Amino acid sequence: MPFMIETYDKPEAGDLRLRLRPAHLDYLEANRHLLLACGAKLSDDGQAASGGLYLVALETHAEAEAFIAADPFHRGNLFDRVFITRWRQAYLDRRNTLEKG
């Protein structure tokens, strides 16, 4: 069953996020086979990111911890907090994935 990883950037870390972003995007591309979805959490005007949400196809909490620990955003000390929670997919692409038949 997948995991949801929610991250919160440290306050006033916009410049650090921008510096680390190319390496972070390379990391995501290298691990795209694990990504069900992911992206930045944005301000209402869409101009500033303050963290992210990752939905990853991993089997254990330890694997999810290792995944986020290897992300250049984490290694670069961008995150203030990280929450990892087991997640059940119910809808994907506007379709109920729990329906049988």
PDB file of N, CA and C in Angstrom:
ATOM      1  N   MET A   1       0.852  -1.191   0.000  1.00  0.00           N
ATOM      2  CA  MET A   1       0.000   0.000   0.000  1.00  0.00           C
ATOM      3  C   MET A   1       0.888   1.241   0.000  1.00  0.00           C
ATOM      4  N   PRO A   2       0.533   2.255  -0.748  1.00  0.00           N
ATOM      5  CA  PRO A   2       1.376   3.448  -0.877  1.00  0.00           C
ATOM      6  C   PRO A   2       1.466   4.282   0.406  1.00  0.00           C
ATOM      7  N   PHE A   3       2.348   5.264   0.333  1.00  0.00           N
ATOM      8  CA  PHE A   3       2.529   6.215   1.423  1.00  0.00           C
ATOM      9  C   PHE A   3       2.370   7.634   0.904  1.00  0.00           C
ATOM     10  N   MET A   4       1.867   8.490   1.791  1.00  0.00           N
ATOM     11  CA  MET A   4       1.807   9.924   1.543  1.00  0.00           C
ATOM     12  C   MET A   4       2.902  10.561   2.385  1.00  0.00           C
ATOM     13  N   ILE A   5       3.717  11.380   1.752  1.00  0.00           N
ATOM     14  CA  ILE A   5       4.753  12.128   2.463  1.00  0.00           C
ATOM     15  C   ILE A   5       4.423  13.597   2.284  1.00  0.00           C
ATOM     16  N   GLU A   6       4.212  14.276   3.399  1.00  0.00           N
ATOM     17  CA  GLU A   6       3.933  15.713   3.344  1.00  0.00           C
ATOM     18  C   GLU A   6       5.083  16.450   4.006  1.00  0.00           C
ATOM     19  N   THR A   7       5.607  17.438   3.295  1.00  0.00           N
ATOM     20  CA  THR A   7       6.738  18.199   3.808  1.00  0.00           C
ATOM     21  C   THR A   7       6.351  19.660   3.996  1.00  0.00           C
ATOM     22  N   TYR A   8       6.998  20.276   4.954  1.00  0.00           N
ATOM     23  CA  TYR A   8       6.823  21.698   5.267  1.00  0.00           C
ATOM     24  C   TYR A   8       8.196  22.344   5.261  1.00  0.00           C
ATOM     25  N   ASP A   9       8.362  23.360   4.435  1.00  0.00           N
ATOM     26  CA  ASP A   9       9.643  24.062   4.371  1.00  0.00           C
ATOM     27  C   ASP A   9       9.874  24.889   5.635  1.00  0.00           C
ATOM     28  N   LYS A  10      11.128  25.133   5.909  1.00  0.00           N
ATOM     29  CA  LYS A  10      11.481  26.074   6.969  1.00  0.00           C
ATOM     30  C   LYS A  10      11.026  27.472   6.542  1.00  0.00           C
ATOM     31  N   PRO A  11      10.677  28.315   7.504  1.00  0.00           N
ATOM     32  CA  PRO A  11      10.268  29.685   7.152  1.00  0.00           C
ATOM     33  C   PRO A  11      11.380  30.417   6.394  1.00  0.00           C
ATOM     34  N   GLU A  12      10.966  31.255   5.485  1.00  0.00           N
ATOM     35  CA  GLU A  12      11.902  32.101   4.726  1.00  0.00           C
ATOM     36  C   GLU A  12      12.948  31.289   3.967  1.00  0.00           C
ATOM     37  N   ALA A  13      12.554  30.113   3.457  1.00  0.00           N
ATOM     38  CA  ALA A  13      13.514  29.239   2.780  1.00  0.00           C
ATOM     39  C   ALA A  13      13.332  29.230   1.260  1.00  0.00           C
ATOM     40  N   GLY A  14      12.672  30.231   0.718  1.00  0.00           N
ATOM     41  CA  GLY A  14      12.416  30.280  -0.718  1.00  0.00           C
ATOM     42  C   GLY A  14      13.675  30.237  -1.565  1.00  0.00           C
ATOM     43  N   ASP A  15      14.704  30.963  -1.175  1.00  0.00           N
ATOM     44  CA  ASP A  15      15.958  30.972  -1.943  1.00  0.00           C
ATOM     45  C   ASP A  15      16.630  29.604  -1.906  1.00  0.00           C
ATOM     46  N   LEU A  16      16.623  28.959  -0.743  1.00  0.00           N
ATOM     47  CA  LEU A  16      17.203  27.623  -0.621  1.00  0.00           C
ATOM     48  C   LEU A  16      16.438  26.644  -1.507  1.00  0.00           C
ATOM     49  N   ARG A  17      15.121  26.728  -1.509  1.00  0.00           N
ATOM     50  CA  ARG A  17      14.296  25.857  -2.348  1.00  0.00           C
ATOM     51  C   ARG A  17      14.693  26.016  -3.822  1.00  0.00           C
ATOM     52  N   LEU A  18      14.851  27.247  -4.262  1.00  0.00           N
ATOM     53  CA  LEU A  18      15.217  27.489  -5.663  1.00  0.00           C
ATOM     54  C   LEU A  18      16.598  26.938  -5.997  1.00  0.00           C
ATOM     55  N   ARG A  19      17.539  27.061  -5.072  1.00  0.00           N
ATOM     56  CA  ARG A  19      18.893  26.541  -5.312  1.00  0.00           C
ATOM     57  C   ARG A  19      18.893  25.013  -5.402  1.00  0.00           C
ATOM     58  N   LEU A  20      18.084  24.368  -4.578  1.00  0.00           N
ATOM     59  CA  LEU A  20      18.061  22.904  -4.529  1.00  0.00           C
ATOM     60  C   LEU A  20      17.153  22.279  -5.583  1.00  0.00           C
ATOM     61  N   ARG A  21      16.284  23.083  -6.181  1.00  0.00           N
ATOM     62  CA  ARG A  21      15.244  22.562  -7.071  1.00  0.00           C
ATOM     63  C   ARG A  21      15.777  21.735  -8.250  1.00  0.00           C
ATOM     64  N   PRO A  22      16.820  22.144  -8.961  1.00  0.00           N
ATOM     65  CA  PRO A  22      17.290  21.307 -10.083  1.00  0.00           C
ATOM     66  C   PRO A  22      17.686  19.887  -9.635  1.00  0.00           C
ATOM     67  N   ALA A  23      18.411  19.770  -8.543  1.00  0.00           N
ATOM     68  CA  ALA A  23      18.803  18.445  -8.043  1.00  0.00           C
ATOM     69  C   ALA A  23      17.578  17.660  -7.571  1.00  0.00           C
ATOM     70  N   HIS A  24      16.636  18.351  -6.964  1.00  0.00           N
ATOM     71  CA  HIS A  24      15.389  17.710  -6.518  1.00  0.00           C
ATOM     72  C   HIS A  24      14.633  17.148  -7.717  1.00  0.00           C
ATOM     73  N   LEU A  25      14.505  17.927  -8.796  1.00  0.00           N
ATOM     74  CA  LEU A  25      13.797  17.458  -9.986  1.00  0.00           C
ATOM     75  C   LEU A  25      14.520  16.279 -10.635  1.00  0.00           C
ATOM     76  N   ASP A  26      15.838  16.290 -10.641  1.00  0.00           N
ATOM     77  CA  ASP A  26      16.599  15.145 -11.146  1.00  0.00           C
ATOM     78  C   ASP A  26      16.318  13.898 -10.311  1.00  0.00           C
ATOM     79  N   TYR A  27      16.255  14.068  -8.991  1.00  0.00           N
ATOM     80  CA  TYR A  27      15.959  12.953  -8.091  1.00  0.00           C
ATOM     81  C   TYR A  27      14.574  12.377  -8.383  1.00  0.00           C
ATOM     82  N   LEU A  28      13.591  13.255  -8.552  1.00  0.00           N
ATOM     83  CA  LEU A  28      12.242  12.784  -8.854  1.00  0.00           C
ATOM     84  C   LEU A  28      12.221  12.030 -10.182  1.00  0.00           C
ATOM     85  N   GLU A  29      12.889  12.559 -11.175  1.00  0.00           N
ATOM     86  CA  GLU A  29      12.921  11.887 -12.478  1.00  0.00           C
ATOM     87  C   GLU A  29      13.564  10.504 -12.365  1.00  0.00           C
ATOM     88  N   ALA A  30      14.637  10.400 -11.603  1.00  0.00           N
ATOM     89  CA  ALA A  30      15.320   9.116 -11.423  1.00  0.00           C
ATOM     90  C   ALA A  30      14.453   8.112 -10.671  1.00  0.00           C
ATOM     91  N   ASN A  31      13.484   8.609  -9.923  1.00  0.00           N
ATOM     92  CA  ASN A  31      12.616   7.741  -9.118  1.00  0.00           C
ATOM     93  C   ASN A  31      11.164   7.780  -9.576  1.00  0.00           C
ATOM     94  N   ARG A  32      10.938   8.189 -10.795  1.00  0.00           N
ATOM     95  CA  ARG A  32       9.575   8.350 -11.299  1.00  0.00           C
ATOM     96  C   ARG A  32       8.764   7.063 -11.218  1.00  0.00           C
ATOM     97  N   HIS A  33       9.420   5.901 -11.263  1.00  0.00           N
ATOM     98  CA  HIS A  33       8.721   4.623 -11.166  1.00  0.00           C
ATOM     99  C   HIS A  33       8.045   4.436  -9.804  1.00  0.00           C
ATOM    100  N   LEU A  34       8.435   5.212  -8.797  1.00  0.00           N
ATOM    101  CA  LEU A  34       7.833   5.140  -7.463  1.00  0.00           C
ATOM    102  C   LEU A  34       6.743   6.176  -7.239  1.00  0.00           C
ATOM    103  N   LEU A  35       6.662   7.160  -8.116  1.00  0.00           N
ATOM    104  CA  LEU A  35       5.768   8.303  -7.900  1.00  0.00           C
ATOM    105  C   LEU A  35       4.383   8.058  -8.471  1.00  0.00           C
ATOM    106  N   LEU A  36       3.383   8.063  -7.598  1.00  0.00           N
ATOM    107  CA  LEU A  36       1.996   8.049  -8.048  1.00  0.00           C
ATOM    108  C   LEU A  36       1.565   9.473  -8.369  1.00  0.00           C
ATOM    109  N   ALA A  37       2.056  10.402  -7.571  1.00  0.00           N
ATOM    110  CA  ALA A  37       1.831  11.838  -7.774  1.00  0.00           C
ATOM    111  C   ALA A  37       2.772  12.568  -6.834  1.00  0.00           C
ATOM    112  N   CYS A  38       3.118  13.781  -7.189  1.00  0.00           N
ATOM    113  CA  CYS A  38       3.855  14.632  -6.268  1.00  0.00           C
ATOM    114  C   CYS A  38       3.861  16.048  -6.808  1.00  0.00           C
ATOM    115  N   GLY A  39       4.082  16.980  -5.906  1.00  0.00           N
ATOM    116  CA  GLY A  39       4.153  18.367  -6.311  1.00  0.00           C
ATOM    117  C   GLY A  39       4.245  19.287  -5.115  1.00  0.00           C
ATOM    118  N   ALA A  40       4.512  20.545  -5.417  1.00  0.00           N
ATOM    119  CA  ALA A  40       4.673  21.561  -4.375  1.00  0.00           C
ATOM    120  C   ALA A  40       3.314  22.035  -3.866  1.00  0.00           C
ATOM    121  N   LYS A  41       3.293  22.409  -2.600  1.00  0.00           N
ATOM    122  CA  LYS A  41       2.138  23.099  -2.011  1.00  0.00           C
ATOM    123  C   LYS A  41       2.398  24.586  -2.208  1.00  0.00           C
ATOM    124  N   LEU A  42       1.429  25.270  -2.819  1.00  0.00           N
ATOM    125  CA  LEU A  42       1.632  26.660  -3.227  1.00  0.00           C
ATOM    126  C   LEU A  42       0.773  27.634  -2.441  1.00  0.00           C
ATOM    127  N   SER A  43       1.231  28.866  -2.402  1.00  0.00           N
ATOM    128  CA  SER A  43       0.437  29.960  -1.848  1.00  0.00           C
ATOM    129  C   SER A  43      -0.797  30.156  -2.731  1.00  0.00           C
ATOM    130  N   ASP A  44      -1.805  30.862  -2.210  1.00  0.00           N
ATOM    131  CA  ASP A  44      -3.039  31.073  -2.956  1.00  0.00           C
ATOM    132  C   ASP A  44      -2.816  31.721  -4.317  1.00  0.00           C
ATOM    133  N   ASP A  45      -1.798  32.564  -4.422  1.00  0.00           N
ATOM    134  CA  ASP A  45      -1.539  33.204  -5.713  1.00  0.00           C
ATOM    135  C   ASP A  45      -0.650  32.347  -6.623  1.00  0.00           C
ATOM    136  N   GLY A  46      -0.232  31.180  -6.144  1.00  0.00           N
ATOM    137  CA  GLY A  46       0.566  30.265  -6.940  1.00  0.00           C
ATOM    138  C   GLY A  46       2.013  30.663  -7.122  1.00  0.00           C
ATOM    139  N   GLN A  47       2.473  31.667  -6.398  1.00  0.00           N
ATOM    140  CA  GLN A  47       3.816  32.201  -6.603  1.00  0.00           C
ATOM    141  C   GLN A  47       4.887  31.613  -5.685  1.00  0.00           C
ATOM    142  N   ALA A  48       4.499  31.101  -4.531  1.00  0.00           N
ATOM    143  CA  ALA A  48       5.497  30.631  -3.566  1.00  0.00           C
ATOM    144  C   ALA A  48       5.151  29.223  -3.088  1.00  0.00           C
ATOM    145  N   ALA A  49       6.166  28.371  -3.015  1.00  0.00           N
ATOM    146  CA  ALA A  49       6.005  27.020  -2.483  1.00  0.00           C
ATOM    147  C   ALA A  49       6.410  27.010  -1.019  1.00  0.00           C
ATOM    148  N   SER A  50       5.748  26.164  -0.256  1.00  0.00           N
ATOM    149  CA  SER A  50       6.049  26.078   1.177  1.00  0.00           C
ATOM    150  C   SER A  50       6.225  24.645   1.651  1.00  0.00           C
ATOM    151  N   GLY A  51       6.335  23.730   0.734  1.00  0.00           N
ATOM    152  CA  GLY A  51       6.469  22.323   1.065  1.00  0.00           C
ATOM    153  C   GLY A  51       5.965  21.501  -0.098  1.00  0.00           C
ATOM    154  N   GLY A  52       5.750  20.225   0.145  1.00  0.00           N
ATOM    155  CA  GLY A  52       5.306  19.365  -0.935  1.00  0.00           C
ATOM    156  C   GLY A  52       4.503  18.185  -0.451  1.00  0.00           C
ATOM    157  N   LEU A  53       3.940  17.486  -1.428  1.00  0.00           N
ATOM    158  CA  LEU A  53       3.171  16.278  -1.171  1.00  0.00           C
ATOM    159  C   LEU A  53       3.637  15.223  -2.167  1.00  0.00           C
ATOM    160  N   TYR A  54       4.000  14.073  -1.648  1.00  0.00           N
ATOM    161  CA  TYR A  54       4.451  12.960  -2.472  1.00  0.00           C
ATOM    162  C   TYR A  54       3.525  11.781  -2.178  1.00  0.00           C
ATOM    163  N   LEU A  55       3.043  11.124  -3.200  1.00  0.00           N
ATOM    164  CA  LEU A  55       2.344   9.854  -3.067  1.00  0.00           C
ATOM    165  C   LEU A  55       3.243   8.831  -3.738  1.00  0.00           C
ATOM    166  N   VAL A  56       3.784   7.918  -2.935  1.00  0.00           N
ATOM    167  CA  VAL A  56       4.816   7.011  -3.425  1.00  0.00           C
ATOM    168  C   VAL A  56       4.390   5.556  -3.271  1.00  0.00           C
ATOM    169  N   ALA A  57       4.729   4.760  -4.267  1.00  0.00           N
ATOM    170  CA  ALA A  57       4.421   3.331  -4.272  1.00  0.00           C
ATOM    171  C   ALA A  57       5.556   2.581  -3.579  1.00  0.00           C
ATOM    172  N   LEU A  58       5.488   2.552  -2.277  1.00  0.00           N
ATOM    173  CA  LEU A  58       6.482   1.860  -1.461  1.00  0.00           C
ATOM    174  C   LEU A  58       5.752   0.967  -0.476  1.00  0.00           C
ATOM    175  N   GLU A  59       6.421  -0.063  -0.011  1.00  0.00           N
ATOM    176  CA  GLU A  59       5.760  -1.067   0.832  1.00  0.00           C
ATOM    177  C   GLU A  59       5.869  -0.811   2.331  1.00  0.00           C
ATOM    178  N   THR A  60       6.915  -0.131   2.761  1.00  0.00           N
ATOM    179  CA  THR A  60       7.115   0.026   4.198  1.00  0.00           C
ATOM    180  C   THR A  60       7.388   1.483   4.565  1.00  0.00           C
ATOM    181  N   HIS A  61       7.119   1.770   5.822  1.00  0.00           N
ATOM    182  CA  HIS A  61       7.409   3.101   6.353  1.00  0.00           C
ATOM    183  C   HIS A  61       8.905   3.394   6.231  1.00  0.00           C
ATOM    184  N   ALA A  62       9.722   2.404   6.482  1.00  0.00           N
ATOM    185  CA  ALA A  62      11.175   2.586   6.382  1.00  0.00           C
ATOM    186  C   ALA A  62      11.587   2.958   4.957  1.00  0.00           C
ATOM    187  N   GLU A  63      10.959   2.356   3.953  1.00  0.00           N
ATOM    188  CA  GLU A  63      11.262   2.714   2.567  1.00  0.00           C
ATOM    189  C   GLU A  63      10.857   4.149   2.265  1.00  0.00           C
ATOM    190  N   ALA A  64       9.712   4.572   2.805  1.00  0.00           N
ATOM    191  CA  ALA A  64       9.268   5.957   2.606  1.00  0.00           C
ATOM    192  C   ALA A  64      10.230   6.928   3.288  1.00  0.00           C
ATOM    193  N   GLU A  65      10.695   6.579   4.490  1.00  0.00           N
ATOM    194  CA  GLU A  65      11.675   7.412   5.186  1.00  0.00           C
ATOM    195  C   GLU A  65      12.964   7.529   4.378  1.00  0.00           C
ATOM    196  N   ALA A  66      13.426   6.417   3.837  1.00  0.00           N
ATOM    197  CA  ALA A  66      14.659   6.424   3.050  1.00  0.00           C
ATOM    198  C   ALA A  66      14.481   7.245   1.767  1.00  0.00           C
ATOM    199  N   PHE A  67      13.303   7.137   1.149  1.00  0.00           N
ATOM    200  CA  PHE A  67      13.026   7.896  -0.074  1.00  0.00           C
ATOM    201  C   PHE A  67      13.138   9.389   0.187  1.00  0.00           C
ATOM    202  N   ILE A  68      12.472   9.879   1.215  1.00  0.00           N
ATOM    203  CA  ILE A  68      12.482  11.331   1.458  1.00  0.00           C
ATOM    204  C   ILE A  68      13.844  11.776   1.992  1.00  0.00           C
ATOM    205  N   ALA A  69      14.513  10.931   2.742  1.00  0.00           N
ATOM    206  CA  ALA A  69      15.838  11.291   3.265  1.00  0.00           C
ATOM    207  C   ALA A  69      16.849  11.499   2.137  1.00  0.00           C
ATOM    208  N   ALA A  70      16.666  10.800   1.023  1.00  0.00           N
ATOM    209  CA  ALA A  70      17.591  10.917  -0.100  1.00  0.00           C
ATOM    210  C   ALA A  70      17.261  12.086  -1.026  1.00  0.00           C
ATOM    211  N   ASP A  71      16.107  12.694  -0.862  1.00  0.00           N
ATOM    212  CA  ASP A  71      15.705  13.831  -1.701  1.00  0.00           C
ATOM    213  C   ASP A  71      16.640  15.011  -1.417  1.00  0.00           C
ATOM    214  N   PRO A  72      17.158  15.653  -2.449  1.00  0.00           N
ATOM    215  CA  PRO A  72      18.036  16.809  -2.239  1.00  0.00           C
ATOM    216  C   PRO A  72      17.400  17.923  -1.403  1.00  0.00           C
ATOM    217  N   PHE A  73      16.089  18.082  -1.441  1.00  0.00           N
ATOM    218  CA  PHE A  73      15.447  19.060  -0.556  1.00  0.00           C
ATOM    219  C   PHE A  73      15.691  18.687   0.904  1.00  0.00           C
ATOM    220  N   HIS A  74      15.574  17.421   1.227  1.00  0.00           N
ATOM    221  CA  HIS A  74      15.794  16.974   2.614  1.00  0.00           C
ATOM    222  C   HIS A  74      17.277  17.054   2.963  1.00  0.00           C
ATOM    223  N   ARG A  75      18.121  16.540   2.081  1.00  0.00           N
ATOM    224  CA  ARG A  75      19.569  16.572   2.329  1.00  0.00           C
ATOM    225  C   ARG A  75      20.084  17.997   2.445  1.00  0.00           C
ATOM    226  N   GLY A  76      19.439  18.933   1.741  1.00  0.00           N
ATOM    227  CA  GLY A  76      19.843  20.329   1.776  1.00  0.00           C
ATOM    228  C   GLY A  76      19.255  21.105   2.938  1.00  0.00           C
ATOM    229  N   ASN A  77      18.543  20.409   3.831  1.00  0.00           N
ATOM    230  CA  ASN A  77      18.017  21.007   5.062  1.00  0.00           C
ATOM    231  C   ASN A  77      16.902  22.027   4.808  1.00  0.00           C
ATOM    232  N   LEU A  78      16.102  21.788   3.758  1.00  0.00           N
ATOM    233  CA  LEU A  78      14.992  22.680   3.449  1.00  0.00           C
ATOM    234  C   LEU A  78      13.798  22.459   4.378  1.00  0.00           C
ATOM    235  N   PHE A  79      13.570  21.227   4.775  1.00  0.00           N
ATOM    236  CA  PHE A  79      12.334  20.898   5.489  1.00  0.00           C
ATOM    237  C   PHE A  79      12.399  21.204   6.979  1.00  0.00           C
ATOM    238  N   ASP A  80      11.312  21.780   7.453  1.00  0.00           N
ATOM    239  CA  ASP A  80      11.104  21.988   8.880  1.00  0.00           C
ATOM    240  C   ASP A  80      10.463  20.750   9.499  1.00  0.00           C
ATOM    241  N   ARG A  81       9.499  20.184   8.768  1.00  0.00           N
ATOM    242  CA  ARG A  81       8.777  18.996   9.240  1.00  0.00           C
ATOM    243  C   ARG A  81       8.473  18.086   8.057  1.00  0.00           C
ATOM    244  N   VAL A  82       8.419  16.793   8.352  1.00  0.00           N
ATOM    245  CA  VAL A  82       8.039  15.775   7.374  1.00  0.00           C
ATOM    246  C   VAL A  82       7.103  14.794   8.064  1.00  0.00           C
ATOM    247  N   PHE A  83       5.969  14.526   7.420  1.00  0.00           N
ATOM    248  CA  PHE A  83       5.014  13.547   7.932  1.00  0.00           C
ATOM    249  C   PHE A  83       4.861  12.445   6.899  1.00  0.00           C
ATOM    250  N   ILE A  84       4.952  11.200   7.361  1.00  0.00           N
ATOM    251  CA  ILE A  84       4.805  10.034   6.496  1.00  0.00           C
ATOM    252  C   ILE A  84       3.628   9.218   7.013  1.00  0.00           C
ATOM    253  N   THR A  85       2.672   8.971   6.113  1.00  0.00           N
ATOM    254  CA  THR A  85       1.445   8.280   6.490  1.00  0.00           C
ATOM    255  C   THR A  85       1.094   7.253   5.427  1.00  0.00           C
ATOM    256  N   ARG A  86       0.737   6.057   5.860  1.00  0.00           N
ATOM    257  CA  ARG A  86       0.237   5.060   4.907  1.00  0.00           C
ATOM    258  C   ARG A  86      -1.024   5.617   4.270  1.00  0.00           C
ATOM    259  N   TRP A  87      -1.215   5.349   2.970  1.00  0.00           N
ATOM    260  CA  TRP A  87      -2.289   5.965   2.216  1.00  0.00           C
ATOM    261  C   TRP A  87      -3.009   4.912   1.382  1.00  0.00           C
ATOM    262  N   ARG A  88      -4.332   5.000   1.343  1.00  0.00           N
ATOM    263  CA  ARG A  88      -5.123   4.111   0.492  1.00  0.00           C
ATOM    264  C   ARG A  88      -5.658   4.914  -0.681  1.00  0.00           C
ATOM    265  N   GLN A  89      -5.322   4.489  -1.860  1.00  0.00           N
ATOM    266  CA  GLN A  89      -5.800   5.158  -3.072  1.00  0.00           C
ATOM    267  C   GLN A  89      -7.252   4.769  -3.296  1.00  0.00           C
ATOM    268  N   ALA A  90      -8.133   5.753  -3.390  1.00  0.00           N
ATOM    269  CA  ALA A  90      -9.545   5.510  -3.679  1.00  0.00           C
ATOM    270  C   ALA A  90      -9.919   6.036  -5.061  1.00  0.00           C
ATOM    271  N   TYR A  91      -9.339   7.152  -5.447  1.00  0.00           N
ATOM    272  CA  TYR A  91      -9.593   7.744  -6.764  1.00  0.00           C
ATOM    273  C   TYR A  91      -8.266   8.103  -7.415  1.00  0.00           C
ATOM    274  N   LEU A  92      -8.207   7.906  -8.706  1.00  0.00           N
ATOM    275  CA  LEU A  92      -7.059   8.322  -9.496  1.00  0.00           C
ATOM    276  C   LEU A  92      -7.588   8.712 -10.866  1.00  0.00           C
ATOM    277  N   ASP A  93      -7.165   9.845 -11.347  1.00  0.00           N
ATOM    278  CA  ASP A  93      -7.654  10.351 -12.630  1.00  0.00           C
ATOM    279  C   ASP A  93      -9.186  10.362 -12.680  1.00  0.00           C
ATOM    280  N   ARG A  94      -9.792  10.781 -11.593  1.00  0.00           N
ATOM    281  CA  ARG A  94     -11.247  10.942 -11.470  1.00  0.00           C
ATOM    282  C   ARG A  94     -11.997   9.614 -11.535  1.00  0.00           C
ATOM    283  N   ARG A  95     -11.298   8.520 -11.323  1.00  0.00           N
ATOM    284  CA  ARG A  95     -11.933   7.205 -11.329  1.00  0.00           C
ATOM    285  C   ARG A  95     -11.777   6.556  -9.966  1.00  0.00           C
ATOM    286  N   ASN A  96     -12.839   5.890  -9.532  1.00  0.00           N
ATOM    287  CA  ASN A  96     -12.817   5.149  -8.282  1.00  0.00           C
ATOM    288  C   ASN A  96     -12.001   3.874  -8.497  1.00  0.00           C
ATOM    289  N   THR A  97     -10.889   3.763  -7.815  1.00  0.00           N
ATOM    290  CA  THR A  97     -10.025   2.600  -7.971  1.00  0.00           C
ATOM    291  C   THR A  97     -10.409   1.476  -7.020  1.00  0.00           C
ATOM    292  N   LEU A  98     -11.383   1.710  -6.145  1.00  0.00           N
ATOM    293  CA  LEU A  98     -11.825   0.694  -5.195  1.00  0.00           C
ATOM    294  C   LEU A  98     -12.989  -0.139  -5.738  1.00  0.00           C
ATOM    295  N   GLU A  99     -13.656   0.364  -6.772  1.00  0.00           N
ATOM    296  CA  GLU A  99     -14.789  -0.368  -7.342  1.00  0.00           C
ATOM    297  C   GLU A  99     -14.314  -1.665  -7.968  1.00  0.00           C
ATOM    298  N   LYS A 100     -15.095  -2.671  -7.789  1.00  0.00           N
ATOM    299  CA  LYS A 100     -14.776  -3.966  -8.402  1.00  0.00           C
ATOM    300  C   LYS A 100     -15.643  -4.144  -9.640  1.00  0.00           C
ATOM    301  N   GLY A 101     -15.069  -4.766 -10.624  1.00  0.00           N
ATOM    302  CA  GLY A 101     -15.873  -5.061 -11.800  1.00  0.00           C
ATOM    303  C   GLY A 101     -15.398  -4.441 -13.030  1.00  0.00           C
TER     304      GLY A 101
END
